[in-house]
């Protein structure tokens, strides 16, 4: 996809971009980064939101591999300076079942 500017951070993996994205006949400004699942409540949620704000506010990102739209948010991979945003949040990265088994061993 194209390059977008992060205008505001909603939570640890959701933010508003400009210009609006277009996907599957829909347009919008909200994006939810995939590949990690930031906490939605408590101190962890505040910390994740602050980290994302400091790192990304008013920065340009690339949106790739859109997976769909949920609640008006485009679900996709987000890249900042060529690095997947999920890599900036290793504690919250999503693992497939095989990776979890390896971690538990």
N, C-alpha and C. Protein backbone atom coordinates (compact mmCIF):
# COMPACT_ATOMS: atom_id res chain seq x y z
N UNK A 1 0.84 -1.19 0.00
CA UNK A 1 0.00 0.00 0.00
C UNK A 1 0.88 1.25 0.00
N UNK A 2 0.30 2.34 0.36
CA UNK A 2 0.98 3.63 0.28
C UNK A 2 1.49 4.08 1.64
N UNK A 3 2.07 5.26 1.63
CA UNK A 3 2.58 5.87 2.86
C UNK A 3 1.51 6.75 3.48
N UNK A 4 1.40 6.66 4.80
CA UNK A 4 0.40 7.43 5.56
C UNK A 4 1.09 8.08 6.74
N UNK A 5 0.51 9.17 7.21
CA UNK A 5 1.02 9.88 8.38
C UNK A 5 0.13 9.57 9.57
N UNK A 6 0.74 9.23 10.70
CA UNK A 6 -0.03 8.98 11.92
C UNK A 6 -0.38 10.32 12.53
N UNK A 7 -1.67 10.60 12.60
CA UNK A 7 -2.17 11.86 13.14
C UNK A 7 -2.42 11.78 14.65
N UNK A 8 -2.97 10.66 15.10
CA UNK A 8 -3.21 10.50 16.53
C UNK A 8 -3.21 9.02 16.89
N UNK A 9 -2.85 8.74 18.13
CA UNK A 9 -2.80 7.37 18.64
C UNK A 9 -4.03 7.15 19.51
N UNK A 10 -4.73 6.06 19.25
CA UNK A 10 -5.95 5.72 19.99
C UNK A 10 -5.61 4.81 21.17
N UNK A 11 -4.82 3.77 20.90
CA UNK A 11 -4.34 2.86 21.95
C UNK A 11 -3.03 2.25 21.48
N UNK A 12 -2.58 1.20 22.12
CA UNK A 12 -1.26 0.63 21.84
C UNK A 12 -1.05 0.04 20.47
N UNK A 13 -2.12 -0.20 19.72
CA UNK A 13 -1.93 -0.66 18.34
C UNK A 13 -3.00 -0.11 17.38
N UNK A 14 -3.68 0.96 17.78
CA UNK A 14 -4.68 1.58 16.92
C UNK A 14 -4.40 3.07 16.81
N UNK A 15 -4.49 3.59 15.58
CA UNK A 15 -4.19 5.00 15.38
C UNK A 15 -4.95 5.53 14.18
N UNK A 16 -4.96 6.87 14.06
CA UNK A 16 -5.61 7.54 12.96
C UNK A 16 -4.55 8.02 11.97
N UNK A 17 -4.82 7.82 10.68
CA UNK A 17 -3.86 8.21 9.64
C UNK A 17 -4.48 9.20 8.66
N UNK A 18 -3.61 9.89 7.95
CA UNK A 18 -4.03 10.69 6.81
C UNK A 18 -3.00 10.47 5.70
N UNK A 19 -3.40 10.50 4.46
CA UNK A 19 -4.77 10.60 3.98
C UNK A 19 -5.54 9.33 4.31
N UNK A 20 -6.85 9.33 4.09
CA UNK A 20 -7.64 8.12 4.35
C UNK A 20 -7.17 6.95 3.50
N UNK A 21 -7.24 5.75 4.06
CA UNK A 21 -6.92 4.54 3.29
C UNK A 21 -8.15 4.11 2.50
N UNK A 22 -7.93 3.32 1.47
CA UNK A 22 -9.00 2.73 0.68
C UNK A 22 -8.73 1.24 0.59
N UNK A 23 -9.75 0.44 0.92
CA UNK A 23 -9.59 -1.02 0.85
C UNK A 23 -10.96 -1.64 0.60
N UNK A 24 -11.02 -2.49 -0.40
CA UNK A 24 -12.22 -3.28 -0.67
C UNK A 24 -13.47 -2.41 -0.79
N UNK A 25 -13.33 -1.26 -1.44
CA UNK A 25 -14.45 -0.37 -1.66
C UNK A 25 -14.81 0.51 -0.48
N UNK A 26 -14.05 0.45 0.59
CA UNK A 26 -14.30 1.29 1.77
C UNK A 26 -13.12 2.22 1.99
N UNK A 27 -13.38 3.32 2.70
CA UNK A 27 -12.32 4.24 3.07
C UNK A 27 -12.44 4.54 4.56
N UNK A 28 -11.33 4.97 5.15
CA UNK A 28 -11.34 5.32 6.56
C UNK A 28 -10.01 5.88 7.00
N UNK A 29 -9.94 6.25 8.26
CA UNK A 29 -8.72 6.81 8.82
C UNK A 29 -8.13 5.96 9.95
N UNK A 30 -8.91 5.01 10.48
CA UNK A 30 -8.41 4.22 11.61
C UNK A 30 -7.70 2.97 11.13
N UNK A 31 -6.57 2.68 11.78
CA UNK A 31 -5.76 1.51 11.46
C UNK A 31 -5.46 0.76 12.75
N UNK A 32 -5.56 -0.56 12.70
CA UNK A 32 -5.10 -1.40 13.81
C UNK A 32 -3.96 -2.25 13.30
N UNK A 33 -2.79 -2.06 13.88
CA UNK A 33 -1.61 -2.82 13.49
C UNK A 33 -1.77 -4.27 13.91
N UNK A 34 -1.41 -5.18 13.01
CA UNK A 34 -1.45 -6.61 13.32
C UNK A 34 -0.05 -7.09 13.68
N UNK A 35 0.02 -8.28 14.23
CA UNK A 35 1.30 -8.87 14.59
C UNK A 35 1.63 -8.75 16.06
N UNK A 36 0.89 -7.93 16.77
CA UNK A 36 1.04 -7.83 18.23
C UNK A 36 -0.29 -7.40 18.82
N UNK A 37 -0.48 -7.71 20.07
CA UNK A 37 -1.74 -7.42 20.74
C UNK A 37 -1.44 -6.64 22.02
N UNK A 38 -1.50 -5.33 21.93
CA UNK A 38 -1.22 -4.47 23.08
C UNK A 38 -2.36 -4.58 24.09
N UNK A 39 -2.07 -4.46 25.38
CA UNK A 39 -3.12 -4.49 26.40
C UNK A 39 -4.14 -3.38 26.17
N UNK A 40 -5.39 -3.64 26.53
CA UNK A 40 -6.47 -2.67 26.32
C UNK A 40 -6.86 -1.98 27.62
N UNK A 41 -6.31 -2.41 28.76
CA UNK A 41 -6.65 -1.75 30.02
C UNK A 41 -5.47 -1.87 31.00
N UNK A 42 -5.51 -1.04 32.02
CA UNK A 42 -4.48 -1.07 33.06
C UNK A 42 -3.22 -0.32 32.68
N UNK A 43 -2.21 -0.49 33.51
CA UNK A 43 -0.93 0.20 33.30
C UNK A 43 -0.25 -0.21 32.00
N UNK A 44 -0.40 -1.48 31.64
CA UNK A 44 0.20 -1.96 30.39
C UNK A 44 -0.36 -1.25 29.19
N UNK A 45 -1.67 -0.98 29.22
CA UNK A 45 -2.31 -0.28 28.10
C UNK A 45 -1.80 1.15 28.00
N UNK A 46 -1.66 1.81 29.13
CA UNK A 46 -1.16 3.18 29.15
C UNK A 46 0.27 3.23 28.63
N UNK A 47 1.09 2.27 29.09
CA UNK A 47 2.49 2.24 28.66
C UNK A 47 2.60 1.99 27.15
N UNK A 48 1.80 1.06 26.62
CA UNK A 48 1.85 0.75 25.19
C UNK A 48 1.40 1.96 24.36
N UNK A 49 0.34 2.63 24.82
CA UNK A 49 -0.14 3.80 24.10
C UNK A 49 0.90 4.92 24.11
N UNK A 50 1.53 5.13 25.26
CA UNK A 50 2.56 6.17 25.34
C UNK A 50 3.75 5.84 24.46
N UNK A 51 4.17 4.58 24.45
CA UNK A 51 5.31 4.18 23.63
C UNK A 51 4.99 4.40 22.15
N UNK A 52 3.77 4.01 21.74
CA UNK A 52 3.39 4.20 20.35
C UNK A 52 3.32 5.69 20.00
N UNK A 53 2.79 6.50 20.92
CA UNK A 53 2.70 7.94 20.67
C UNK A 53 4.08 8.56 20.51
N UNK A 54 4.99 8.22 21.40
CA UNK A 54 6.34 8.77 21.34
C UNK A 54 7.05 8.33 20.05
N UNK A 55 6.89 7.07 19.71
CA UNK A 55 7.57 6.52 18.55
C UNK A 55 6.98 7.02 17.23
N UNK A 56 5.64 7.12 17.16
CA UNK A 56 5.00 7.25 15.87
C UNK A 56 4.23 8.54 15.61
N UNK A 57 3.89 9.31 16.61
CA UNK A 57 3.06 10.51 16.39
C UNK A 57 3.67 11.40 15.31
N UNK A 58 2.88 11.75 14.31
CA UNK A 58 3.29 12.60 13.20
C UNK A 58 4.40 12.01 12.33
N UNK A 59 4.55 10.70 12.37
CA UNK A 59 5.55 10.02 11.54
C UNK A 59 4.83 9.33 10.37
N UNK A 60 5.58 9.05 9.33
CA UNK A 60 5.04 8.34 8.18
C UNK A 60 5.26 6.85 8.32
N UNK A 61 4.24 6.08 7.95
CA UNK A 61 4.30 4.62 8.00
C UNK A 61 3.78 4.06 6.69
N UNK A 62 4.11 2.81 6.44
CA UNK A 62 3.57 2.10 5.29
C UNK A 62 2.63 1.04 5.79
N UNK A 63 1.47 0.94 5.16
CA UNK A 63 0.48 -0.06 5.50
C UNK A 63 0.55 -1.16 4.45
N UNK A 64 0.68 -2.42 4.91
CA UNK A 64 0.83 -3.54 3.99
C UNK A 64 -0.01 -4.72 4.45
N UNK A 65 -0.26 -5.62 3.54
CA UNK A 65 -0.97 -6.88 3.79
C UNK A 65 -2.28 -6.68 4.55
N UNK A 66 -3.20 -5.86 4.01
CA UNK A 66 -4.47 -5.66 4.69
C UNK A 66 -5.23 -6.98 4.84
N UNK A 67 -5.80 -7.18 6.02
CA UNK A 67 -6.51 -8.42 6.32
C UNK A 67 -8.02 -8.22 6.37
N UNK A 68 -8.46 -6.98 6.35
CA UNK A 68 -9.89 -6.70 6.40
C UNK A 68 -10.16 -5.46 7.21
N UNK A 69 -11.44 -5.21 7.41
CA UNK A 69 -11.87 -4.06 8.18
C UNK A 69 -12.73 -4.56 9.33
N UNK A 70 -12.43 -4.08 10.52
CA UNK A 70 -13.17 -4.48 11.71
C UNK A 70 -13.46 -3.24 12.54
N UNK A 71 -14.73 -2.98 12.78
CA UNK A 71 -15.10 -1.81 13.56
C UNK A 71 -14.61 -0.51 12.96
N UNK A 72 -14.56 -0.44 11.63
CA UNK A 72 -14.10 0.76 10.95
C UNK A 72 -12.59 0.91 10.91
N UNK A 73 -11.87 -0.08 11.43
CA UNK A 73 -10.40 -0.04 11.44
C UNK A 73 -9.85 -1.00 10.39
N UNK A 74 -8.88 -0.53 9.63
CA UNK A 74 -8.18 -1.38 8.68
C UNK A 74 -7.17 -2.21 9.46
N UNK A 75 -7.28 -3.53 9.39
CA UNK A 75 -6.33 -4.43 10.06
C UNK A 75 -5.22 -4.74 9.06
N UNK A 76 -3.99 -4.38 9.40
CA UNK A 76 -2.89 -4.60 8.47
C UNK A 76 -1.55 -4.54 9.19
N UNK A 77 -0.52 -4.97 8.48
CA UNK A 77 0.84 -4.82 8.98
C UNK A 77 1.25 -3.36 8.78
N UNK A 78 1.98 -2.83 9.74
CA UNK A 78 2.42 -1.44 9.69
C UNK A 78 3.94 -1.43 9.75
N UNK A 79 4.56 -0.68 8.85
CA UNK A 79 6.02 -0.60 8.81
C UNK A 79 6.47 0.84 9.02
N UNK A 80 7.44 0.99 9.92
CA UNK A 80 8.04 2.29 10.20
C UNK A 80 9.52 2.18 9.91
N UNK A 81 10.01 2.95 8.97
CA UNK A 81 11.41 2.91 8.54
C UNK A 81 11.82 1.49 8.16
N UNK A 82 10.91 0.78 7.49
CA UNK A 82 11.19 -0.56 7.00
C UNK A 82 11.07 -1.68 8.02
N UNK A 83 10.72 -1.36 9.26
CA UNK A 83 10.61 -2.35 10.33
C UNK A 83 9.15 -2.51 10.72
N UNK A 84 8.71 -3.77 10.83
CA UNK A 84 7.34 -4.04 11.23
C UNK A 84 7.10 -3.47 12.62
N UNK A 85 6.02 -2.74 12.79
CA UNK A 85 5.71 -2.12 14.08
C UNK A 85 5.66 -3.15 15.21
N UNK A 86 5.24 -4.37 14.91
CA UNK A 86 5.19 -5.42 15.93
C UNK A 86 6.56 -5.68 16.54
N UNK A 87 7.63 -5.44 15.78
CA UNK A 87 8.98 -5.66 16.29
C UNK A 87 9.36 -4.63 17.36
N UNK A 88 8.65 -3.52 17.41
CA UNK A 88 8.89 -2.53 18.46
C UNK A 88 8.19 -2.91 19.77
N UNK A 89 7.32 -3.91 19.71
CA UNK A 89 6.54 -4.36 20.87
C UNK A 89 6.71 -5.87 21.06
N UNK A 90 7.94 -6.35 21.27
CA UNK A 90 8.17 -7.79 21.34
C UNK A 90 7.39 -8.50 22.46
N UNK A 91 7.12 -7.81 23.55
CA UNK A 91 6.39 -8.44 24.66
C UNK A 91 4.95 -8.76 24.27
N UNK A 92 4.44 -8.09 23.26
CA UNK A 92 3.04 -8.26 22.87
C UNK A 92 2.88 -8.97 21.53
N UNK A 93 3.99 -9.47 20.97
CA UNK A 93 3.91 -10.11 19.66
C UNK A 93 3.04 -11.35 19.72
N UNK A 94 2.28 -11.54 18.64
CA UNK A 94 1.44 -12.72 18.51
C UNK A 94 2.31 -13.85 18.00
N UNK A 95 2.11 -15.03 18.58
CA UNK A 95 2.88 -16.21 18.19
C UNK A 95 1.92 -17.26 17.66
N UNK A 96 2.38 -17.99 16.65
CA UNK A 96 1.54 -19.10 16.21
C UNK A 96 1.72 -20.25 17.20
N UNK A 97 0.91 -21.27 17.11
CA UNK A 97 0.93 -22.37 18.07
C UNK A 97 2.30 -23.04 18.14
N UNK A 98 2.97 -23.19 17.00
CA UNK A 98 4.28 -23.82 16.96
C UNK A 98 5.29 -23.00 17.75
N UNK A 99 5.26 -21.68 17.59
CA UNK A 99 6.19 -20.82 18.31
C UNK A 99 5.95 -20.88 19.81
N UNK A 100 4.69 -20.95 20.23
CA UNK A 100 4.36 -21.03 21.65
C UNK A 100 4.91 -22.31 22.25
N UNK A 101 4.76 -23.40 21.52
CA UNK A 101 5.31 -24.67 22.01
C UNK A 101 6.81 -24.58 22.18
N UNK A 102 7.50 -23.93 21.24
CA UNK A 102 8.95 -23.78 21.34
C UNK A 102 9.31 -22.93 22.55
N UNK A 103 8.54 -21.87 22.84
CA UNK A 103 8.80 -21.01 23.97
C UNK A 103 8.60 -21.74 25.29
N UNK A 104 7.64 -22.66 25.33
CA UNK A 104 7.35 -23.36 26.57
C UNK A 104 8.38 -24.42 26.89
N UNK A 105 9.14 -24.87 25.91
CA UNK A 105 10.14 -25.94 26.13
C UNK A 105 11.35 -25.44 26.86
